[in-house]
All heavy atoms as atom14 arrays in JSON, in Angstrom:
{
  "sequence": "LGIAQVYFPANTFYEDFYIDLRQGDDTVTIHNSTVP",
  "atom14_mask": [
    [1, 1, 1, 1, 1, 1, 1, 1, 0, 0, 0, 0, 0, 0],
    [1, 1, 1, 1, 0, 0, 0, 0, 0, 0, 0, 0, 0, 0],
    [1, 1, 1, 1, 1, 1, 1, 1, 0, 0, 0, 0, 0, 0],
    [1, 1, 1, 1, 1, 0, 0, 0, 0, 0, 0, 0, 0, 0],
    [1, 1, 1, 1, 1, 1, 1, 1, 1, 0, 0, 0, 0, 0],
    [1, 1, 1, 1, 1, 1, 1, 0, 0, 0, 0, 0, 0, 0],
    [1, 1, 1, 1, 1, 1, 1, 1, 1, 1, 1, 1, 0, 0],
    [1, 1, 1, 1, 1, 1, 1, 1, 1, 1, 1, 0, 0, 0],
    [1, 1, 1, 1, 1, 1, 1, 0, 0, 0, 0, 0, 0, 0],
    [1, 1, 1, 1, 1, 0, 0, 0, 0, 0, 0, 0, 0, 0],
    [1, 1, 1, 1, 1, 1, 1, 1, 0, 0, 0, 0, 0, 0],
    [1, 1, 1, 1, 1, 1, 1, 0, 0, 0, 0, 0, 0, 0],
    [1, 1, 1, 1, 1, 1, 1, 1, 1, 1, 1, 0, 0, 0],
    [1, 1, 1, 1, 1, 1, 1, 1, 1, 1, 1, 1, 0, 0],
    [1, 1, 1, 1, 1, 1, 1, 1, 1, 0, 0, 0, 0, 0],
    [1, 1, 1, 1, 1, 1, 1, 1, 0, 0, 0, 0, 0, 0],
    [1, 1, 1, 1, 1, 1, 1, 1, 1, 1, 1, 0, 0, 0],
    [1, 1, 1, 1, 1, 1, 1, 1, 1, 1, 1, 1, 0, 0],
    [1, 1, 1, 1, 1, 1, 1, 1, 0, 0, 0, 0, 0, 0],
    [1, 1, 1, 1, 1, 1, 1, 1, 0, 0, 0, 0, 0, 0],
    [1, 1, 1, 1, 1, 1, 1, 1, 0, 0, 0, 0, 0, 0],
    [1, 1, 1, 1, 1, 1, 1, 1, 1, 1, 1, 0, 0, 0],
    [1, 1, 1, 1, 1, 1, 1, 1, 1, 0, 0, 0, 0, 0],
    [1, 1, 1, 1, 0, 0, 0, 0, 0, 0, 0, 0, 0, 0],
    [1, 1, 1, 1, 1, 1, 1, 1, 0, 0, 0, 0, 0, 0],
    [1, 1, 1, 1, 1, 1, 1, 1, 0, 0, 0, 0, 0, 0],
    [1, 1, 1, 1, 1, 1, 1, 0, 0, 0, 0, 0, 0, 0],
    [1, 1, 1, 1, 1, 1, 1, 0, 0, 0, 0, 0, 0, 0],
    [1, 1, 1, 1, 1, 1, 1, 0, 0, 0, 0, 0, 0, 0],
    [1, 1, 1, 1, 1, 1, 1, 1, 0, 0, 0, 0, 0, 0],
    [1, 1, 1, 1, 1, 1, 1, 1, 1, 1, 0, 0, 0, 0],
    [1, 1, 1, 1, 1, 1, 1, 1, 0, 0, 0, 0, 0, 0],
    [1, 1, 1, 1, 1, 1, 0, 0, 0, 0, 0, 0, 0, 0],
    [1, 1, 1, 1, 1, 1, 1, 0, 0, 0, 0, 0, 0, 0],
    [1, 1, 1, 1, 1, 1, 1, 0, 0, 0, 0, 0, 0, 0],
    [1, 1, 1, 1, 1, 1, 1, 0, 0, 0, 0, 0, 0, 0]
  ],
  "atom14_positions": [
    [[0.82, -1.21, 0.0], [0.0, 0.0, 0.0], [0.86, 1.26, 0.0], [0.44, 2.3, 0.5], [-0.93, -0.02, 1.22], [-1.88, -1.22, 1.32], [-2.71, -1.13, 2.59], [-2.77, -1.32, 0.1], [0.0, 0.0, 0.0], [0.0, 0.0, 0.0], [0.0, 0.0, 0.0], [0.0, 0.0, 0.0], [0.0, 0.0, 0.0], [0.0, 0.0, 0.0]],
    [[2.05, 1.15, -0.54], [2.92, 2.32, -0.63], [3.65, 2.6, 0.67], [4.75, 2.11, 0.9], [0.0, 0.0, 0.0], [0.0, 0.0, 0.0], [0.0, 0.0, 0.0], [0.0, 0.0, 0.0], [0.0, 0.0, 0.0], [0.0, 0.0, 0.0], [0.0, 0.0, 0.0], [0.0, 0.0, 0.0], [0.0, 0.0, 0.0], [0.0, 0.0, 0.0]],
    [[3.01, 3.37, 1.54], [3.65, 3.71, 2.8], [3.61, 2.54, 3.8], [4.27, 2.58, 4.84], [3.0, 4.95, 3.44], [1.51, 4.68, 3.76], [3.15, 6.16, 2.57], [0.86, 5.79, 4.56], [0.0, 0.0, 0.0], [0.0, 0.0, 0.0], [0.0, 0.0, 0.0], [0.0, 0.0, 0.0], [0.0, 0.0, 0.0], [0.0, 0.0, 0.0]],
    [[2.85, 1.52, 3.47], [2.73, 0.37, 4.37], [2.46, -0.9, 3.58], [1.99, -0.85, 2.43], [1.62, 0.6, 5.39], [0.0, 0.0, 0.0], [0.0, 0.0, 0.0], [0.0, 0.0, 0.0], [0.0, 0.0, 0.0], [0.0, 0.0, 0.0], [0.0, 0.0, 0.0], [0.0, 0.0, 0.0], [0.0, 0.0, 0.0], [0.0, 0.0, 0.0]],
    [[2.76, -2.0, 4.18], [2.44, -3.32, 3.62], [1.59, -4.07, 4.64], [1.73, -3.89, 5.85], [3.72, -4.13, 3.32], [4.54, -3.6, 2.15], [5.32, -2.35, 2.51], [5.92, -2.29, 3.6], [5.3, -1.34, 1.64], [0.0, 0.0, 0.0], [0.0, 0.0, 0.0], [0.0, 0.0, 0.0], [0.0, 0.0, 0.0], [0.0, 0.0, 0.0]],
    [[0.73, -4.95, 4.12], [-0.1, -5.76, 5.0], [0.01, -7.22, 4.56], [0.0, -7.53, 3.37], [-1.56, -5.28, 5.01], [-2.18, -5.31, 3.62], [-2.4, -6.12, 5.97], [0.0, 0.0, 0.0], [0.0, 0.0, 0.0], [0.0, 0.0, 0.0], [0.0, 0.0, 0.0], [0.0, 0.0, 0.0], [0.0, 0.0, 0.0], [0.0, 0.0, 0.0]],
    [[0.16, -8.09, 5.54], [0.29, -9.52, 5.26], [-0.75, -10.29, 6.06], [-0.82, -10.18, 7.28], [1.69, -10.02, 5.61], [1.83, -11.53, 5.51], [1.82, -12.16, 4.27], [1.92, -12.31, 6.66], [1.92, -13.54, 4.18], [2.03, -13.7, 6.58], [2.03, -14.29, 5.34], [2.12, -15.67, 5.23], [0.0, 0.0, 0.0], [0.0, 0.0, 0.0]],
    [[-1.57, -11.08, 5.34], [-2.56, -11.94, 5.97], [-2.12, -13.39, 5.83], [-2.06, -13.92, 4.71], [-3.93, -11.78, 5.28], [-4.49, -10.38, 5.32], [-4.51, -9.6, 4.16], [-5.01, -9.85, 6.48], [-5.03, -8.32, 4.18], [-5.54, -8.57, 6.51], [-5.54, -7.8, 5.36], [0.0, 0.0, 0.0], [0.0, 0.0, 0.0], [0.0, 0.0, 0.0]],
    [[-1.8, -14.08, 6.91], [-1.51, -15.51, 6.81], [-2.74, -16.28, 6.32], [-3.87, -15.77, 6.38], [-1.16, -15.91, 8.25], [-0.85, -14.62, 8.94], [-1.68, -13.58, 8.28], [0.0, 0.0, 0.0], [0.0, 0.0, 0.0], [0.0, 0.0, 0.0], [0.0, 0.0, 0.0], [0.0, 0.0, 0.0], [0.0, 0.0, 0.0], [0.0, 0.0, 0.0]],
    [[-2.52, -17.48, 5.84], [-3.65, -18.33, 5.44], [-4.6, -18.5, 6.61], [-4.18, -18.61, 7.77], [-3.14, -19.67, 4.95], [0.0, 0.0, 0.0], [0.0, 0.0, 0.0], [0.0, 0.0, 0.0], [0.0, 0.0, 0.0], [0.0, 0.0, 0.0], [0.0, 0.0, 0.0], [0.0, 0.0, 0.0], [0.0, 0.0, 0.0], [0.0, 0.0, 0.0]],
    [[-5.9, -18.49, 6.33], [-6.96, -18.68, 7.33], [-7.05, -17.54, 8.33], [-7.57, -17.73, 9.44], [-6.78, -20.02, 8.05], [-6.84, -21.2, 7.11], [-7.77, -21.33, 6.32], [-5.82, -22.05, 7.16], [0.0, 0.0, 0.0], [0.0, 0.0, 0.0], [0.0, 0.0, 0.0], [0.0, 0.0, 0.0], [0.0, 0.0, 0.0], [0.0, 0.0, 0.0]],
    [[-6.59, -16.36, 7.95], [-6.85, -15.18, 8.78], [-8.35, -14.91, 8.85], [-8.88, -14.53, 9.9], [-6.13, -13.95, 8.23], [-4.73, -14.17, 8.26], [-6.46, -12.7, 9.04], [0.0, 0.0, 0.0], [0.0, 0.0, 0.0], [0.0, 0.0, 0.0], [0.0, 0.0, 0.0], [0.0, 0.0, 0.0], [0.0, 0.0, 0.0], [0.0, 0.0, 0.0]],
    [[-9.03, -15.14, 7.72], [-10.47, -14.88, 7.64], [-11.22, -16.19, 7.44], [-10.64, -17.21, 7.06], [-10.76, -13.92, 6.48], [-10.06, -12.59, 6.62], [-8.92, -12.31, 5.88], [-10.53, -11.64, 7.51], [-8.26, -11.09, 6.01], [-9.89, -10.42, 7.65], [-8.75, -10.15, 6.91], [0.0, 0.0, 0.0], [0.0, 0.0, 0.0], [0.0, 0.0, 0.0]],
    [[-12.51, -16.15, 7.69], [-13.34, -17.35, 7.59], [-13.77, -17.65, 6.16], [-13.92, -18.81, 5.79], [-14.59, -17.21, 8.48], [-14.26, -16.98, 9.93], [-14.46, -15.73, 10.52], [-13.73, -17.99, 10.71], [-14.16, -15.5, 11.86], [-13.41, -17.77, 12.05], [-13.62, -16.53, 12.62], [-13.3, -16.32, 13.93], [0.0, 0.0, 0.0], [0.0, 0.0, 0.0]],
    [[-13.98, -16.58, 5.38], [-14.51, -16.76, 4.03], [-13.81, -15.83, 3.04], [-13.21, -14.81, 3.44], [-16.02, -16.47, 4.02], [-16.82, -17.39, 4.94], [-18.32, -17.08, 4.9], [-18.91, -17.29, 3.81], [-18.87, -16.64, 5.91], [0.0, 0.0, 0.0], [0.0, 0.0, 0.0], [0.0, 0.0, 0.0], [0.0, 0.0, 0.0], [0.0, 0.0, 0.0]],
    [[-13.88, -16.17, 1.77], [-13.33, -15.32, 0.71], [-14.18, -14.04, 0.61], [-15.39, -14.06, 0.85], [-13.39, -16.04, -0.64], [-12.63, -17.36, -0.64], [-11.81, -17.57, 0.27], [-12.86, -18.17, -1.55], [0.0, 0.0, 0.0], [0.0, 0.0, 0.0], [0.0, 0.0, 0.0], [0.0, 0.0, 0.0], [0.0, 0.0, 0.0], [0.0, 0.0, 0.0]],
    [[-13.53, -12.94, 0.24], [-14.3, -11.7, 0.05], [-13.45, -10.7, -0.74], [-12.23, -10.84, -0.87], [-14.72, -11.09, 1.39], [-13.59, -10.56, 2.24], [-13.35, -9.19, 2.32], [-12.77, -11.41, 2.95], [-12.31, -8.69, 3.09], [-11.73, -10.92, 3.74], [-11.51, -9.56, 3.8], [0.0, 0.0, 0.0], [0.0, 0.0, 0.0], [0.0, 0.0, 0.0]],
    [[-14.13, -9.7, -1.29], [-13.45, -8.59, -1.97], [-12.97, -7.61, -0.88], [-13.78, -7.02, -0.17], [-14.39, -7.88, -2.93], [-14.65, -8.65, -4.21], [-15.79, -9.43, -4.34], [-13.75, -8.61, -5.27], [-16.04, -10.15, -5.51], [-13.99, -9.31, -6.44], [-15.14, -10.09, -6.55], [-15.37, -10.79, -7.7], [0.0, 0.0, 0.0], [0.0, 0.0, 0.0]],
    [[-11.67, -7.45, -0.78], [-11.12, -6.59, 0.28], [-10.87, -5.2, -0.28], [-10.35, -5.02, -1.38], [-9.83, -7.2, 0.87], [-9.36, -6.37, 2.07], [-8.74, -7.34, -0.17], [-8.3, -7.04, 2.9], [0.0, 0.0, 0.0], [0.0, 0.0, 0.0], [0.0, 0.0, 0.0], [0.0, 0.0, 0.0], [0.0, 0.0, 0.0], [0.0, 0.0, 0.0]],
    [[-11.29, -4.22, 0.5], [-11.15, -2.82, 0.1], [-9.86, -2.26, 0.72], [-9.74, -2.17, 1.94], [-12.36, -2.03, 0.6], [-12.36, -0.59, 0.11], [-11.58, -0.27, -0.81], [-13.14, 0.23, 0.66], [0.0, 0.0, 0.0], [0.0, 0.0, 0.0], [0.0, 0.0, 0.0], [0.0, 0.0, 0.0], [0.0, 0.0, 0.0], [0.0, 0.0, 0.0]],
    [[-8.91, -1.89, -0.12], [-7.61, -1.38, 0.34], [-7.4, 0.01, -0.24], [-7.51, 0.21, -1.45], [-6.48, -2.31, -0.1], [-6.57, -3.76, 0.4], [-5.55, -4.63, -0.31], [-6.35, -3.8, 1.91], [0.0, 0.0, 0.0], [0.0, 0.0, 0.0], [0.0, 0.0, 0.0], [0.0, 0.0, 0.0], [0.0, 0.0, 0.0], [0.0, 0.0, 0.0]],
    [[-7.08, 0.97, 0.64], [-6.91, 2.35, 0.16], [-5.67, 2.97, 0.8], [-5.37, 2.71, 1.96], [-8.14, 3.19, 0.52], [-9.45, 2.65, -0.05], [-10.62, 3.51, 0.37], [-11.9, 2.92, -0.01], [-13.08, 3.46, 0.26], [-13.13, 4.6, 0.94], [-14.18, 2.86, -0.11], [0.0, 0.0, 0.0], [0.0, 0.0, 0.0], [0.0, 0.0, 0.0]],
    [[-5.01, 3.83, 0.02], [-3.84, 4.54, 0.52], [-4.13, 6.03, 0.52], [-4.5, 6.62, -0.49], [-2.62, 4.25, -0.35], [-1.39, 5.03, 0.07], [-0.22, 4.83, -0.88], [-0.25, 3.95, -1.73], [0.81, 5.67, -0.75], [0.0, 0.0, 0.0], [0.0, 0.0, 0.0], [0.0, 0.0, 0.0], [0.0, 0.0, 0.0], [0.0, 0.0, 0.0]],
    [[-3.97, 6.66, 1.7], [-4.09, 8.11, 1.79], [-2.72, 8.75, 1.84], [-1.7, 8.09, 1.62], [0.0, 0.0, 0.0], [0.0, 0.0, 0.0], [0.0, 0.0, 0.0], [0.0, 0.0, 0.0], [0.0, 0.0, 0.0], [0.0, 0.0, 0.0], [0.0, 0.0, 0.0], [0.0, 0.0, 0.0], [0.0, 0.0, 0.0], [0.0, 0.0, 0.0]],
    [[-2.68, 10.03, 2.15], [-1.39, 10.72, 2.23], [-0.52, 10.14, 3.33], [0.68, 9.94, 3.15], [-1.62, 12.22, 2.47], [-2.24, 12.9, 1.26], [-2.09, 12.36, 0.15], [-2.9, 13.95, 1.45], [0.0, 0.0, 0.0], [0.0, 0.0, 0.0], [0.0, 0.0, 0.0], [0.0, 0.0, 0.0], [0.0, 0.0, 0.0], [0.0, 0.0, 0.0]],
    [[-1.13, 9.89, 4.48], [-0.36, 9.31, 5.6], [-1.13, 8.21, 6.31], [-0.83, 7.86, 7.45], [0.02, 10.4, 6.6], [-1.19, 11.17, 7.11], [-2.32, 10.8, 6.76], [-1.01, 12.13, 7.88], [0.0, 0.0, 0.0], [0.0, 0.0, 0.0], [0.0, 0.0, 0.0], [0.0, 0.0, 0.0], [0.0, 0.0, 0.0], [0.0, 0.0, 0.0]],
    [[-2.12, 7.65, 5.64], [-2.92, 6.56, 6.22], [-3.06, 5.42, 5.23], [-2.9, 5.6, 4.01], [-4.33, 7.04, 6.6], [-5.03, 7.46, 5.4], [-4.28, 8.19, 7.6], [0.0, 0.0, 0.0], [0.0, 0.0, 0.0], [0.0, 0.0, 0.0], [0.0, 0.0, 0.0], [0.0, 0.0, 0.0], [0.0, 0.0, 0.0], [0.0, 0.0, 0.0]],
    [[-3.37, 4.26, 5.76], [-3.79, 3.12, 4.93], [-5.09, 2.59, 5.51], [-5.23, 2.47, 6.73], [-2.72, 2.01, 4.87], [-1.51, 2.47, 4.1], [-2.33, 1.53, 6.26], [0.0, 0.0, 0.0], [0.0, 0.0, 0.0], [0.0, 0.0, 0.0], [0.0, 0.0, 0.0], [0.0, 0.0, 0.0], [0.0, 0.0, 0.0], [0.0, 0.0, 0.0]],
    [[-6.05, 2.32, 4.65], [-7.32, 1.76, 5.08], [-7.39, 0.32, 4.61], [-7.3, 0.04, 3.41], [-8.51, 2.57, 4.53], [-8.45, 3.9, 5.05], [-9.83, 1.93, 4.93], [0.0, 0.0, 0.0], [0.0, 0.0, 0.0], [0.0, 0.0, 0.0], [0.0, 0.0, 0.0], [0.0, 0.0, 0.0], [0.0, 0.0, 0.0], [0.0, 0.0, 0.0]],
    [[-7.54, -0.57, 5.56], [-7.59, -2.0, 5.29], [-9.01, -2.47, 5.56], [-9.38, -2.81, 6.68], [-6.56, -2.76, 6.15], [-5.16, -2.15, 5.96], [-6.54, -4.24, 5.81], [-4.15, -2.61, 6.97], [0.0, 0.0, 0.0], [0.0, 0.0, 0.0], [0.0, 0.0, 0.0], [0.0, 0.0, 0.0], [0.0, 0.0, 0.0], [0.0, 0.0, 0.0]],
    [[-9.82, -2.41, 4.51], [-11.23, -2.78, 4.55], [-11.95, -2.03, 5.68], [-11.71, -0.84, 5.88], [-11.36, -4.3, 4.68], [-12.64, -4.82, 4.11], [-12.88, -4.87, 2.76], [-13.77, -5.28, 4.72], [-14.09, -5.37, 2.55], [-14.65, -5.61, 3.72], [0.0, 0.0, 0.0], [0.0, 0.0, 0.0], [0.0, 0.0, 0.0], [0.0, 0.0, 0.0]],
    [[-12.81, -2.73, 6.42], [-13.57, -2.1, 7.51], [-13.93, -3.17, 8.53], [-13.66, -4.36, 8.34], [-14.82, -1.39, 6.97], [-15.72, -2.34, 6.18], [-16.2, -3.34, 6.72], [-15.94, -2.05, 4.91], [0.0, 0.0, 0.0], [0.0, 0.0, 0.0], [0.0, 0.0, 0.0], [0.0, 0.0, 0.0], [0.0, 0.0, 0.0], [0.0, 0.0, 0.0]],
    [[-14.56, -2.74, 9.59], [-14.77, -3.63, 10.73], [-15.9, -4.63, 10.55], [-16.21, -5.38, 11.49], [-15.06, -2.79, 11.98], [-16.23, -2.01, 11.79], [0.0, 0.0, 0.0], [0.0, 0.0, 0.0], [0.0, 0.0, 0.0], [0.0, 0.0, 0.0], [0.0, 0.0, 0.0], [0.0, 0.0, 0.0], [0.0, 0.0, 0.0], [0.0, 0.0, 0.0]],
    [[-16.52, -4.71, 9.37], [-17.63, -5.63, 9.18], [-17.18, -7.05, 8.89], [-18.02, -7.96, 8.82], [-18.54, -5.16, 8.02], [-17.77, -5.14, 6.81], [-19.11, -3.78, 8.3], [0.0, 0.0, 0.0], [0.0, 0.0, 0.0], [0.0, 0.0, 0.0], [0.0, 0.0, 0.0], [0.0, 0.0, 0.0], [0.0, 0.0, 0.0], [0.0, 0.0, 0.0]],
    [[-15.88, -7.27, 8.7], [-15.35, -8.62, 8.45], [-14.5, -9.03, 9.64], [-13.55, -8.32, 10.0], [-14.53, -8.67, 7.15], [-13.9, -10.04, 6.96], [-15.41, -8.32, 5.95], [0.0, 0.0, 0.0], [0.0, 0.0, 0.0], [0.0, 0.0, 0.0], [0.0, 0.0, 0.0], [0.0, 0.0, 0.0], [0.0, 0.0, 0.0], [0.0, 0.0, 0.0]],
    [[-14.79, -10.17, 10.27], [-14.0, -10.6, 11.43], [-12.73, -11.34, 11.0], [-12.74, -12.12, 10.05], [-14.95, -11.55, 12.17], [-15.77, -12.16, 11.08], [-15.94, -11.08, 10.02], [0.0, 0.0, 0.0], [0.0, 0.0, 0.0], [0.0, 0.0, 0.0], [0.0, 0.0, 0.0], [0.0, 0.0, 0.0], [0.0, 0.0, 0.0], [0.0, 0.0, 0.0]]
  ]
}
């Protein structure tokens, strides 16, 4: 994500989904709290 990287090990989540990833000037948004 430019200023940051994110790594999800296998089985971090319960189901497949479209993940929303966004890069701001000094922030990174990694989806939202609706996915456990």
